[in-house]
C-alpha cells in the first residue's frame, strides 16, 4: 500500500488535501503534517517516526513538502539515506493531485521525477501569457 504525506509549515498541507478532495472526491492513503502549529509536538521526532514506521516492503512512501530547503523539508531530508522514501519539495495542488493519482500503482524514481517536472509548467505569469495571446490576434 503506497502512502502520501503532505507536510507544511502551518495549515497549507490540510488546505491542499481539502482542495484535492473537492476536485477528486474520496482520497485514501494520504496524511497531513501541519508542522510547528502545536508547541507540545516534537516535530523532529514525529517526522522520524513517520518515515521509520512505514512498511517499505508493502509499498512506497512519498513525502511532499511546501518549501525546498525549509525546516519541514530539512527534517525529512535527514532520513533520506536511512529510508527509501521519495521527497518532493515545493508542492502545489497540481503536484498533490498527480501524486494522489499514482498511489494505486507502481511508483519509482522516474515517475516521481516526471510529476515534479510537469508541475513546474503549472506556474504561469498570467499577465505575460495574456499579453502574448492578445498579440497573436
C-alpha atoms as a PDB file:
ATOM      1  CA  UNK A   1       0.000   0.000   0.000  1.00  0.00           C
ATOM      2  CA  UNK A   2       1.516   3.305  -1.109  1.00  0.00           C
ATOM      3  CA  UNK A   3       1.136   6.407   1.033  1.00  0.00           C
ATOM      4  CA  UNK A   4       1.498  10.162   0.599  1.00  0.00           C
ATOM      5  CA  UNK A   5       2.397  12.541   3.414  1.00  0.00           C
ATOM      6  CA  UNK A   6       1.837  16.221   2.692  1.00  0.00           C
ATOM      7  CA  UNK A   7       3.866  18.280   5.171  1.00  0.00           C
ATOM      8  CA  UNK A   8       3.960  22.033   5.515  1.00  0.00           C
ATOM      9  CA  UNK A   9       4.573  24.946   7.797  1.00  0.00           C
ATOM     10  CA  UNK A  10       1.137  25.602   9.268  1.00  0.00           C
ATOM     11  CA  UNK A  11      -2.113  24.506   7.635  1.00  0.00           C
ATOM     12  CA  UNK A  12      -1.124  24.527   3.958  1.00  0.00           C
ATOM     13  CA  UNK A  13      -0.958  20.719   3.854  1.00  0.00           C
ATOM     14  CA  UNK A  14      -4.553  20.386   5.025  1.00  0.00           C
ATOM     15  CA  UNK A  15      -5.690  23.034   2.567  1.00  0.00           C
ATOM     16  CA  UNK A  16      -4.041  21.189  -0.316  1.00  0.00           C
ATOM     17  CA  UNK A  17      -5.648  17.911   0.703  1.00  0.00           C
ATOM     18  CA  UNK A  18      -9.031  19.570   1.189  1.00  0.00           C
ATOM     19  CA  UNK A  19      -8.823  21.091  -2.307  1.00  0.00           C
ATOM     20  CA  UNK A  20      -7.750  17.756  -3.802  1.00  0.00           C
ATOM     21  CA  UNK A  21     -10.756  16.077  -2.162  1.00  0.00           C
ATOM     22  CA  UNK A  22     -13.025  18.799  -3.552  1.00  0.00           C
ATOM     23  CA  UNK A  23     -11.787  18.010  -7.066  1.00  0.00           C
ATOM     24  CA  UNK A  24     -11.235  14.258  -6.814  1.00  0.00           C
ATOM     25  CA  UNK A  25     -13.743  13.083  -4.230  1.00  0.00           C
ATOM     26  CA  UNK A  26     -12.659  10.478  -1.705  1.00  0.00           C
ATOM     27  CA  UNK A  27      -8.898  10.330  -1.225  1.00  0.00           C
ATOM     28  CA  UNK A  28      -7.221   7.486   0.649  1.00  0.00           C
ATOM     29  CA  UNK A  29      -3.718   6.819   1.961  1.00  0.00           C
ATOM     30  CA  UNK A  30      -2.862  10.497   2.399  1.00  0.00           C
ATOM     31  CA  UNK A  31      -1.814  12.113   5.659  1.00  0.00           C
ATOM     32  CA  UNK A  32      -1.031  15.721   6.521  1.00  0.00           C
ATOM     33  CA  UNK A  33       1.530  17.150   8.882  1.00  0.00           C
ATOM     34  CA  UNK A  34       0.894  20.739   9.962  1.00  0.00           C
ATOM     35  CA  UNK A  35       4.326  21.495  11.333  1.00  0.00           C
ATOM     36  CA  UNK A  36       5.083  23.924  14.119  1.00  0.00           C
ATOM     37  CA  UNK A  37       1.447  24.738  14.962  1.00  0.00           C
ATOM     38  CA  UNK A  38       1.364  22.802  18.245  1.00  0.00           C
ATOM     39  CA  UNK A  39       4.140  23.733  20.676  1.00  0.00           C
ATOM     40  CA  UNK A  40       3.642  20.426  22.522  1.00  0.00           C
ATOM     41  CA  UNK A  41       4.575  18.306  19.488  1.00  0.00           C
ATOM     42  CA  UNK A  42       8.181  17.312  18.845  1.00  0.00           C
ATOM     43  CA  UNK A  43       8.075  17.541  15.039  1.00  0.00           C
ATOM     44  CA  UNK A  44      11.584  16.172  14.622  1.00  0.00           C
ATOM     45  CA  UNK A  45      10.515  13.004  16.457  1.00  0.00           C
ATOM     46  CA  UNK A  46       7.154  12.850  14.645  1.00  0.00           C
ATOM     47  CA  UNK A  47       8.833  13.022  11.236  1.00  0.00           C
ATOM     48  CA  UNK A  48      11.364  10.366  12.199  1.00  0.00           C
ATOM     49  CA  UNK A  49       8.520   8.098  13.341  1.00  0.00           C
ATOM     50  CA  UNK A  50       6.580   8.595  10.105  1.00  0.00           C
ATOM     51  CA  UNK A  51       9.478   7.540   7.877  1.00  0.00           C
ATOM     52  CA  UNK A  52      10.807   4.795  10.150  1.00  0.00           C
ATOM     53  CA  UNK A  53       7.471   3.099  10.873  1.00  0.00           C
ATOM     54  CA  UNK A  54       6.316   2.839   7.245  1.00  0.00           C
ATOM     55  CA  UNK A  55       6.469  -0.725   5.875  1.00  0.00           C
ATOM     56  CA  UNK A  56       8.555  -0.261   2.726  1.00  0.00           C
ATOM     57  CA  UNK A  57       8.186  -3.956   1.859  1.00  0.00           C
ATOM     58  CA  UNK A  58       4.487  -3.337   1.176  1.00  0.00           C
ATOM     59  CA  UNK A  59       4.637  -0.083  -0.798  1.00  0.00           C
ATOM     60  CA  UNK A  60       6.206   3.282  -1.403  1.00  0.00           C
ATOM     61  CA  UNK A  61       6.117   6.381   0.764  1.00  0.00           C
ATOM     62  CA  UNK A  62       6.030   9.772  -0.910  1.00  0.00           C
ATOM     63  CA  UNK A  63       6.532  12.933   1.131  1.00  0.00           C
ATOM     64  CA  UNK A  64       5.566  16.281  -0.385  1.00  0.00           C
ATOM     65  CA  UNK A  65       6.736  19.390   1.468  1.00  0.00           C
ATOM     66  CA  UNK A  66       5.954  23.028   0.958  1.00  0.00           C
ATOM     67  CA  UNK A  67       9.344  24.683   0.700  1.00  0.00           C
ATOM     68  CA  UNK A  68      12.621  23.302  -0.652  1.00  0.00           C
ATOM     69  CA  UNK A  69      15.282  23.847   1.984  1.00  0.00           C
ATOM     70  CA  UNK A  70      12.721  24.890   4.581  1.00  0.00           C
ATOM     71  CA  UNK A  71      12.705  23.375   8.037  1.00  0.00           C
ATOM     72  CA  UNK A  72       9.986  20.795   7.254  1.00  0.00           C
ATOM     73  CA  UNK A  73      11.828  19.629   4.153  1.00  0.00           C
ATOM     74  CA  UNK A  74      15.135  19.618   6.021  1.00  0.00           C
ATOM     75  CA  UNK A  75      13.728  17.372   8.759  1.00  0.00           C
ATOM     76  CA  UNK A  76      12.597  14.811   6.190  1.00  0.00           C
ATOM     77  CA  UNK A  77      15.873  15.142   4.267  1.00  0.00           C
ATOM     78  CA  UNK A  78      17.776  13.919   7.324  1.00  0.00           C
ATOM     79  CA  UNK A  79      16.221  10.483   6.809  1.00  0.00           C
ATOM     80  CA  UNK A  80      16.701  10.027   3.054  1.00  0.00           C
ATOM     81  CA  UNK A  81      19.811   7.880   3.470  1.00  0.00           C
ATOM     82  CA  UNK A  82      18.228   5.602   6.067  1.00  0.00           C
ATOM     83  CA  UNK A  83      14.810   5.054   4.471  1.00  0.00           C
ATOM     84  CA  UNK A  84      13.788   4.605   0.802  1.00  0.00           C
ATOM     85  CA  UNK A  85      11.049   7.226   0.563  1.00  0.00           C
ATOM     86  CA  UNK A  86      10.566   9.846  -2.128  1.00  0.00           C
ATOM     87  CA  UNK A  87      10.788  13.510  -1.117  1.00  0.00           C
ATOM     88  CA  UNK A  88       9.318  16.263  -3.278  1.00  0.00           C
ATOM     89  CA  UNK A  89       9.542  19.947  -2.296  1.00  0.00           C
ATOM     90  CA  UNK A  90       7.652  22.995  -3.497  1.00  0.00           C
ATOM     91  CA  UNK A  91       4.348  21.159  -3.583  1.00  0.00           C
ATOM     92  CA  UNK A  92       1.263  22.749  -5.119  1.00  0.00           C
ATOM     93  CA  UNK A  93      -2.249  21.479  -5.818  1.00  0.00           C
ATOM     94  CA  UNK A  94      -1.306  20.057  -9.224  1.00  0.00           C
ATOM     95  CA  UNK A  95       1.516  18.079  -7.630  1.00  0.00           C
ATOM     96  CA  UNK A  96      -0.727  16.774  -4.858  1.00  0.00           C
ATOM     97  CA  UNK A  97      -3.389  15.632  -7.336  1.00  0.00           C
ATOM     98  CA  UNK A  98      -0.748  13.955  -9.522  1.00  0.00           C
ATOM     99  CA  UNK A  99       0.790  12.173  -6.536  1.00  0.00           C
ATOM    100  CA  UNK A 100      -2.594  11.002  -5.264  1.00  0.00           C
ATOM    101  CA  UNK A 101      -3.435   9.691  -8.727  1.00  0.00           C
ATOM    102  CA  UNK A 102      -0.390   7.385  -8.793  1.00  0.00           C
ATOM    103  CA  UNK A 103      -0.814   5.951  -5.289  1.00  0.00           C
ATOM    104  CA  UNK A 104      -2.673   2.920  -6.640  1.00  0.00           C
ATOM    105  CA  UNK A 105       0.139   1.778  -8.939  1.00  0.00           C
ATOM    106  CA  UNK A 106       3.839   1.077  -9.099  1.00  0.00           C
ATOM    107  CA  UNK A 107       5.929   4.040  -8.006  1.00  0.00           C
ATOM    108  CA  UNK A 108       9.540   4.601  -8.987  1.00  0.00           C
ATOM    109  CA  UNK A 109      12.022   7.445  -9.202  1.00  0.00           C
ATOM    110  CA  UNK A 110      11.271   8.161 -12.876  1.00  0.00           C
ATOM    111  CA  UNK A 111       7.568   8.619 -12.129  1.00  0.00           C
ATOM    112  CA  UNK A 112       8.220  10.999  -9.250  1.00  0.00           C
ATOM    113  CA  UNK A 113      10.714  12.976 -11.355  1.00  0.00           C
ATOM    114  CA  UNK A 114       8.165  13.283 -14.175  1.00  0.00           C
ATOM    115  CA  UNK A 115       5.498  14.561 -11.776  1.00  0.00           C
ATOM    116  CA  UNK A 116       7.927  17.128 -10.345  1.00  0.00           C
ATOM    117  CA  UNK A 117       8.977  18.273 -13.818  1.00  0.00           C
ATOM    118  CA  UNK A 118       5.383  18.509 -15.036  1.00  0.00           C
ATOM    119  CA  UNK A 119       4.440  20.615 -12.012  1.00  0.00           C
ATOM    120  CA  UNK A 120       6.993  23.248 -12.994  1.00  0.00           C
ATOM    121  CA  UNK A 121       4.923  24.034 -16.075  1.00  0.00           C
ATOM    122  CA  UNK A 122       1.842  24.829 -13.980  1.00  0.00           C
ATOM    123  CA  UNK A 123       3.211  28.078 -12.580  1.00  0.00           C
ATOM    124  CA  UNK A 124       2.343  30.765 -15.119  1.00  0.00           C
ATOM    125  CA  UNK A 125       2.718  34.542 -15.017  1.00  0.00           C
ATOM    126  CA  UNK A 126      -0.714  35.271 -16.458  1.00  0.00           C
ATOM    127  CA  UNK A 127      -0.087  38.931 -17.343  1.00  0.00           C
ATOM    128  CA  UNK A 128       2.603  37.959 -19.847  1.00  0.00           C
ATOM    129  CA  UNK A 129       0.724  34.921 -21.101  1.00  0.00           C
ATOM    130  CA  UNK A 130      -2.388  37.010 -21.767  1.00  0.00           C
ATOM    131  CA  UNK A 131      -0.331  39.732 -23.484  1.00  0.00           C
ATOM    132  CA  UNK A 132       1.196  37.146 -25.848  1.00  0.00           C
ATOM    133  CA  UNK A 133      -2.237  35.728 -26.568  1.00  0.00           C
ATOM    134  CA  UNK A 134      -3.605  39.191 -27.425  1.00  0.00           C
ATOM    135  CA  UNK A 135      -0.610  39.877 -29.703  1.00  0.00           C
ATOM    136  CA  UNK A 136      -1.480  36.741 -31.677  1.00  0.00           C
ATOM    137  CA  UNK A 137      -4.894  38.128 -32.677  1.00  0.00           C
END
